[in-house]
Amino acid sequence: MKTIGLTGGIGSGKSTVARIFEVMGVPVYYSDDRAKEMYYVPEIKEKVIALLGKEAYLSDHQIDKKFIANKIFSNTDLLQQINNIIHPAVKKDFAEWATTKQGHIFVLKESALLFETGIYKTLDASILVVSPEQLRAKRIAKRDNLTEAEVITRFKSQMNDEQKIPLATYIIHNDEECSLIEQTLKIKEALQSA
């Protein structure tokens, strides 16, 4: 079974592409969603509080997303430290999940930081969803109710598309002109016949 990474900058539409793959019968591991769940694992919670303070949690079962985002997206050192806490736990969780998907030709690992963390080097191939920055900013501002300055800060915390494209095996263009379904289907067929 092959493991394929799926990534794209914030607001690129990678989650939409992941759902299309799922509808086509491909198992998808949502790293970003699982990472959020890792915040509640007791030993990880202790490390997060030690790093960011008790304010990172609104309750035992709820993180303060805005507080955490404001801290880590404006401080690359803190961002790296939080990634060093969360990413090893997600890596282990993915390995356990993948063992339950035997019988599939490939599975997808959806991750916002596939290239930034070097995860792509451990996978068989990678798919990058690219989208014009203006379109991405509009989607993010609407979805997350953020200011333009907050959107720009989040963009700066990730590699840009020009840096990612040479690292990707496949590219999906989400510019509201090209069909996402057709592009996804072509990649699925290529991966199944490879």
C-alpha atoms as a PDB file:
ATOM      1  CA  MET A   1       0.000   0.000   0.000  1.00  0.00           C
ATOM      2  CA  LYS A   2       1.332   3.433  -0.959  1.00  0.00           C
ATOM      3  CA  THR A   3       1.047   6.486   1.263  1.00  0.00           C
ATOM      4  CA  ILE A   4       0.441   9.737  -0.581  1.00  0.00           C
ATOM      5  CA  GLY A   5       0.666  13.188   0.950  1.00  0.00           C
ATOM      6  CA  LEU A   6      -1.973  15.819   0.204  1.00  0.00           C
ATOM      7  CA  THR A   7      -1.199  19.433   1.021  1.00  0.00           C
ATOM      8  CA  GLY A   8      -1.829  23.025   0.068  1.00  0.00           C
ATOM      9  CA  GLY A   9      -1.512  26.432   1.642  1.00  0.00           C
ATOM     10  CA  ILE A  10      -4.184  27.686   3.998  1.00  0.00           C
ATOM     11  CA  GLY A  11      -7.348  28.368   1.994  1.00  0.00           C
ATOM     12  CA  SER A  12      -6.136  26.425  -1.074  1.00  0.00           C
ATOM     13  CA  GLY A  13      -8.958  23.876  -0.949  1.00  0.00           C
ATOM     14  CA  LYS A  14      -6.996  20.796   0.132  1.00  0.00           C
ATOM     15  CA  SER A  15      -9.845  19.669   2.397  1.00  0.00           C
ATOM     16  CA  THR A  16     -12.252  19.824  -0.549  1.00  0.00           C
ATOM     17  CA  VAL A  17      -9.855  17.719  -2.640  1.00  0.00           C
ATOM     18  CA  ALA A  18      -9.512  15.256   0.273  1.00  0.00           C
ATOM     19  CA  ARG A  19     -13.307  14.858   0.387  1.00  0.00           C
ATOM     20  CA  ILE A  20     -13.375  14.204  -3.386  1.00  0.00           C
ATOM     21  CA  PHE A  21     -10.796  11.423  -2.932  1.00  0.00           C
ATOM     22  CA  GLU A  22     -12.900   9.987  -0.082  1.00  0.00           C
ATOM     23  CA  VAL A  23     -16.016   9.940  -2.283  1.00  0.00           C
ATOM     24  CA  MET A  24     -13.894   8.016  -4.820  1.00  0.00           C
ATOM     25  CA  GLY A  25     -13.173   5.382  -2.142  1.00  0.00           C
ATOM     26  CA  VAL A  26      -9.690   6.480  -1.058  1.00  0.00           C
ATOM     27  CA  PRO A  27      -9.078   6.439   2.730  1.00  0.00           C
ATOM     28  CA  VAL A  28      -7.946   9.871   3.967  1.00  0.00           C
ATOM     29  CA  TYR A  29      -6.124  10.584   7.222  1.00  0.00           C
ATOM     30  CA  TYR A  30      -6.744  14.199   8.255  1.00  0.00           C
ATOM     31  CA  SER A  31      -3.507  15.154  10.020  1.00  0.00           C
ATOM     32  CA  ASP A  32      -4.683  18.654  10.909  1.00  0.00           C
ATOM     33  CA  ASP A  33      -7.871  17.370  12.577  1.00  0.00           C
ATOM     34  CA  ARG A  34      -5.974  14.628  14.402  1.00  0.00           C
ATOM     35  CA  ALA A  35      -3.359  17.174  15.503  1.00  0.00           C
ATOM     36  CA  LYS A  36      -6.115  19.193  17.202  1.00  0.00           C
ATOM     37  CA  GLU A  37      -7.208  16.062  19.063  1.00  0.00           C
ATOM     38  CA  MET A  38      -3.635  15.464  20.257  1.00  0.00           C
ATOM     39  CA  TYR A  39      -3.873  18.634  22.385  1.00  0.00           C
ATOM     40  CA  TYR A  40      -6.037  16.659  24.847  1.00  0.00           C
ATOM     41  CA  VAL A  41      -3.648  13.736  25.354  1.00  0.00           C
ATOM     42  CA  PRO A  42      -2.481  14.308  28.967  1.00  0.00           C
ATOM     43  CA  GLU A  43       1.305  14.279  28.369  1.00  0.00           C
ATOM     44  CA  ILE A  44       0.929  16.566  25.322  1.00  0.00           C
ATOM     45  CA  LYS A  45      -1.403  18.912  27.200  1.00  0.00           C
ATOM     46  CA  GLU A  46       1.258  19.293  29.924  1.00  0.00           C
ATOM     47  CA  LYS A  47       3.881  20.254  27.331  1.00  0.00           C
ATOM     48  CA  VAL A  48       1.559  22.754  25.614  1.00  0.00           C
ATOM     49  CA  ILE A  49       0.734  24.440  28.927  1.00  0.00           C
ATOM     50  CA  ALA A  50       4.441  24.564  29.818  1.00  0.00           C
ATOM     51  CA  LEU A  51       5.147  26.224  26.462  1.00  0.00           C
ATOM     52  CA  LEU A  52       2.156  28.559  25.997  1.00  0.00           C
ATOM     53  CA  GLY A  53       0.539  28.813  29.431  1.00  0.00           C
ATOM     54  CA  LYS A  54      -2.799  27.692  30.868  1.00  0.00           C
ATOM     55  CA  GLU A  55      -4.543  30.233  28.613  1.00  0.00           C
ATOM     56  CA  ALA A  56      -4.064  27.786  25.724  1.00  0.00           C
ATOM     57  CA  TYR A  57      -7.021  25.814  27.142  1.00  0.00           C
ATOM     58  CA  LEU A  58     -10.525  27.150  27.709  1.00  0.00           C
ATOM     59  CA  SER A  59     -11.471  23.888  29.464  1.00  0.00           C
ATOM     60  CA  ASP A  60     -10.318  20.270  29.726  1.00  0.00           C
ATOM     61  CA  HIS A  61     -11.872  19.578  26.324  1.00  0.00           C
ATOM     62  CA  GLN A  62     -11.411  22.850  24.479  1.00  0.00           C
ATOM     63  CA  ILE A  63      -8.310  24.699  23.338  1.00  0.00           C
ATOM     64  CA  ASP A  64      -8.336  28.453  22.788  1.00  0.00           C
ATOM     65  CA  LYS A  65      -7.635  28.347  19.048  1.00  0.00           C
ATOM     66  CA  LYS A  66      -7.404  32.127  18.680  1.00  0.00           C
ATOM     67  CA  PHE A  67      -4.969  32.447  21.592  1.00  0.00           C
ATOM     68  CA  ILE A  68      -2.756  29.630  20.278  1.00  0.00           C
ATOM     69  CA  ALA A  69      -2.862  30.926  16.686  1.00  0.00           C
ATOM     70  CA  ASN A  70      -1.941  34.466  17.776  1.00  0.00           C
ATOM     71  CA  LYS A  71       1.013  33.136  19.793  1.00  0.00           C
ATOM     72  CA  ILE A  72       2.460  30.651  17.299  1.00  0.00           C
ATOM     73  CA  PHE A  73       1.798  32.439  13.996  1.00  0.00           C
ATOM     74  CA  SER A  74       3.631  35.539  15.183  1.00  0.00           C
ATOM     75  CA  ASN A  75       6.617  33.663  16.647  1.00  0.00           C
ATOM     76  CA  THR A  76       8.418  31.136  14.437  1.00  0.00           C
ATOM     77  CA  ASP A  77      10.306  29.718  17.431  1.00  0.00           C
ATOM     78  CA  LEU A  78       7.049  28.953  19.281  1.00  0.00           C
ATOM     79  CA  LEU A  79       5.550  27.524  16.088  1.00  0.00           C
ATOM     80  CA  GLN A  80       8.531  25.159  15.743  1.00  0.00           C
ATOM     81  CA  GLN A  81       8.300  24.131  19.396  1.00  0.00           C
ATOM     82  CA  ILE A  82       4.564  23.379  19.187  1.00  0.00           C
ATOM     83  CA  ASN A  83       5.192  21.391  15.988  1.00  0.00           C
ATOM     84  CA  ASN A  84       7.882  19.401  17.831  1.00  0.00           C
ATOM     85  CA  ILE A  85       5.275  18.468  20.438  1.00  0.00           C
ATOM     86  CA  ILE A  86       2.351  17.652  18.121  1.00  0.00           C
ATOM     87  CA  HIS A  87       3.970  16.162  14.985  1.00  0.00           C
ATOM     88  CA  PRO A  88       5.581  13.050  16.554  1.00  0.00           C
ATOM     89  CA  ALA A  89       2.207  12.142  18.111  1.00  0.00           C
ATOM     90  CA  VAL A  90       0.438  12.568  14.756  1.00  0.00           C
ATOM     91  CA  LYS A  91       3.112  10.480  13.004  1.00  0.00           C
ATOM     92  CA  LYS A  92       2.530   7.594  15.418  1.00  0.00           C
ATOM     93  CA  ASP A  93      -1.259   7.953  15.123  1.00  0.00           C
ATOM     94  CA  PHE A  94      -1.043   7.861  11.292  1.00  0.00           C
ATOM     95  CA  ALA A  95       1.064   4.688  11.342  1.00  0.00           C
ATOM     96  CA  GLU A  96      -1.534   2.981  13.546  1.00  0.00           C
ATOM     97  CA  TRP A  97      -4.393   4.211  11.317  1.00  0.00           C
ATOM     98  CA  ALA A  98      -2.660   3.019   8.110  1.00  0.00           C
ATOM     99  CA  THR A  99      -2.422  -0.558   9.432  1.00  0.00           C
ATOM    100  CA  THR A 100      -6.245  -0.637   9.469  1.00  0.00           C
ATOM    101  CA  LYS A 101      -6.443   0.271   5.749  1.00  0.00           C
ATOM    102  CA  GLN A 102      -4.749  -2.796   4.240  1.00  0.00           C
ATOM    103  CA  GLY A 103      -6.284  -3.847   0.944  1.00  0.00           C
ATOM    104  CA  HIS A 104      -6.256  -0.334  -0.523  1.00  0.00           C
ATOM    105  CA  ILE A 105      -3.780   0.518  -3.282  1.00  0.00           C
ATOM    106  CA  PHE A 106      -3.030   3.836  -1.570  1.00  0.00           C
ATOM    107  CA  VAL A 107      -4.110   6.076   1.292  1.00  0.00           C
ATOM    108  CA  LEU A 108      -3.859   9.840   1.583  1.00  0.00           C
ATOM    109  CA  LYS A 109      -2.274  11.749   4.425  1.00  0.00           C
ATOM    110  CA  GLU A 110      -3.733  15.261   4.397  1.00  0.00           C
ATOM    111  CA  SER A 111      -1.387  17.746   6.065  1.00  0.00           C
ATOM    112  CA  ALA A 112      -0.984  21.530   5.936  1.00  0.00           C
ATOM    113  CA  LEU A 113       2.753  21.277   6.655  1.00  0.00           C
ATOM    114  CA  LEU A 114       3.755  18.324   4.491  1.00  0.00           C
ATOM    115  CA  PHE A 115       6.760  20.100   2.963  1.00  0.00           C
ATOM    116  CA  GLU A 116       7.627  22.396   5.883  1.00  0.00           C
ATOM    117  CA  THR A 117       8.097  19.449   8.239  1.00  0.00           C
ATOM    118  CA  GLY A 118       9.794  17.169   5.702  1.00  0.00           C
ATOM    119  CA  ILE A 119       7.025  14.547   6.042  1.00  0.00           C
ATOM    120  CA  TYR A 120       6.805  14.322   2.243  1.00  0.00           C
ATOM    121  CA  LYS A 121      10.220  12.578   2.204  1.00  0.00           C
ATOM    122  CA  THR A 122       8.720   9.601   4.063  1.00  0.00           C
ATOM    123  CA  LEU A 123       5.829   9.163   1.592  1.00  0.00           C
ATOM    124  CA  ASP A 124       5.578   7.544  -1.844  1.00  0.00           C
ATOM    125  CA  ALA A 125       4.302  10.701  -3.586  1.00  0.00           C
ATOM    126  CA  SER A 126       2.693  14.054  -2.857  1.00  0.00           C
ATOM    127  CA  ILE A 127      -0.204  16.086  -4.204  1.00  0.00           C
ATOM    128  CA  LEU A 128      -0.159  19.875  -3.900  1.00  0.00           C
ATOM    129  CA  VAL A 129      -3.326  21.968  -4.217  1.00  0.00           C
ATOM    130  CA  VAL A 130      -2.473  25.461  -5.477  1.00  0.00           C
ATOM    131  CA  SER A 131      -4.741  28.473  -5.617  1.00  0.00           C
ATOM    132  CA  PRO A 132      -4.209  32.186  -6.306  1.00  0.00           C
ATOM    133  CA  GLU A 133      -3.301  34.044  -3.101  1.00  0.00           C
ATOM    134  CA  GLN A 134      -6.122  36.601  -3.503  1.00  0.00           C
ATOM    135  CA  LEU A 135      -8.690  33.819  -3.765  1.00  0.00           C
ATOM    136  CA  ARG A 136      -7.188  32.014  -0.765  1.00  0.00           C
ATOM    137  CA  ALA A 137      -7.236  35.214   1.325  1.00  0.00           C
ATOM    138  CA  LYS A 138     -10.904  35.770   0.487  1.00  0.00           C
ATOM    139  CA  ARG A 139     -11.805  32.182   1.475  1.00  0.00           C
ATOM    140  CA  ILE A 140      -9.859  32.345   4.762  1.00  0.00           C
ATOM    141  CA  ALA A 141     -11.226  35.738   5.804  1.00  0.00           C
ATOM    142  CA  LYS A 142     -14.776  34.479   5.204  1.00  0.00           C
ATOM    143  CA  ARG A 143     -14.282  31.017   6.752  1.00  0.00           C
ATOM    144  CA  ASP A 144     -12.282  32.021   9.837  1.00  0.00           C
ATOM    145  CA  ASN A 145     -13.563  35.589  10.310  1.00  0.00           C
ATOM    146  CA  LEU A 146     -10.023  37.034  10.206  1.00  0.00           C
ATOM    147  CA  THR A 147      -8.641  40.449   9.372  1.00  0.00           C
ATOM    148  CA  GLU A 148      -6.391  40.934   6.341  1.00  0.00           C
ATOM    149  CA  ALA A 149      -3.373  41.309   8.667  1.00  0.00           C
ATOM    150  CA  GLU A 150      -4.179  37.992  10.399  1.00  0.00           C
ATOM    151  CA  VAL A 151      -4.500  36.253   7.001  1.00  0.00           C
ATOM    152  CA  ILE A 152      -1.105  37.623   5.869  1.00  0.00           C
ATOM    153  CA  THR A 153       0.510  36.429   9.127  1.00  0.00           C
ATOM    154  CA  ARG A 154      -0.812  32.907   8.481  1.00  0.00           C
ATOM    155  CA  PHE A 155       0.443  32.977   4.886  1.00  0.00           C
ATOM    156  CA  LYS A 156       3.915  33.873   6.148  1.00  0.00           C
ATOM    157  CA  SER A 157       3.950  30.879   8.512  1.00  0.00           C
ATOM    158  CA  GLN A 158       3.863  28.477   5.537  1.00  0.00           C
ATOM    159  CA  MET A 159       6.034  28.003   2.470  1.00  0.00           C
ATOM    160  CA  ASN A 160       4.562  29.643  -0.638  1.00  0.00           C
ATOM    161  CA  ASP A 161       3.389  27.699  -3.688  1.00  0.00           C
ATOM    162  CA  GLU A 162       6.534  28.565  -5.676  1.00  0.00           C
ATOM    163  CA  GLN A 163       8.644  26.837  -3.005  1.00  0.00           C
ATOM    164  CA  LYS A 164       6.344  23.792  -2.816  1.00  0.00           C
ATOM    165  CA  ILE A 165       5.714  23.112  -6.526  1.00  0.00           C
ATOM    166  CA  PRO A 166       9.194  21.626  -7.232  1.00  0.00           C
ATOM    167  CA  LEU A 167       8.724  19.236  -4.276  1.00  0.00           C
ATOM    168  CA  ALA A 168       5.282  17.937  -5.344  1.00  0.00           C
ATOM    169  CA  THR A 169       4.656  14.862  -7.475  1.00  0.00           C
ATOM    170  CA  TYR A 170       1.221  16.065  -8.638  1.00  0.00           C
ATOM    171  CA  ILE A 171      -0.392  19.531  -8.759  1.00  0.00           C
ATOM    172  CA  ILE A 172      -4.108  20.347  -8.554  1.00  0.00           C
ATOM    173  CA  HIS A 173      -5.135  23.870  -9.603  1.00  0.00           C
ATOM    174  CA  ASN A 174      -8.030  25.242  -7.547  1.00  0.00           C
ATOM    175  CA  ASP A 175      -8.616  28.519  -9.370  1.00  0.00           C
ATOM    176  CA  GLU A 176     -12.405  28.111  -9.821  1.00  0.00           C
ATOM    177  CA  GLU A 177     -11.794  27.489 -13.534  1.00  0.00           C
ATOM    178  CA  CYS A 178     -10.313  23.965 -13.707  1.00  0.00           C
ATOM    179  CA  SER A 179     -12.481  21.029 -12.571  1.00  0.00           C
ATOM    180  CA  LEU A 180     -11.286  19.677  -9.222  1.00  0.00           C
ATOM    181  CA  ILE A 181     -13.101  16.388  -9.833  1.00  0.00           C
ATOM    182  CA  GLU A 182     -11.425  15.801 -13.215  1.00  0.00           C
ATOM    183  CA  GLN A 183      -7.961  16.649 -11.861  1.00  0.00           C
ATOM    184  CA  THR A 184      -8.482  14.419  -8.812  1.00  0.00           C
ATOM    185  CA  LEU A 185      -9.727  11.521 -10.940  1.00  0.00           C
ATOM    186  CA  LYS A 186      -6.664  11.734 -13.245  1.00  0.00           C
ATOM    187  CA  ILE A 187      -4.308  11.600 -10.245  1.00  0.00           C
ATOM    188  CA  LYS A 188      -6.244   8.704  -8.682  1.00  0.00           C
ATOM    189  CA  GLU A 189      -5.997   6.747 -11.948  1.00  0.00           C
ATOM    190  CA  ALA A 190      -2.265   7.518 -12.249  1.00  0.00           C
ATOM    191  CA  LEU A 191      -1.619   6.342  -8.672  1.00  0.00           C
ATOM    192  CA  GLN A 192      -3.604   3.147  -9.172  1.00  0.00           C
ATOM    193  CA  SER A 193      -1.715   2.218 -12.327  1.00  0.00           C
ATOM    194  CA  ALA A 194       1.750   3.203 -11.039  1.00  0.00           C
END
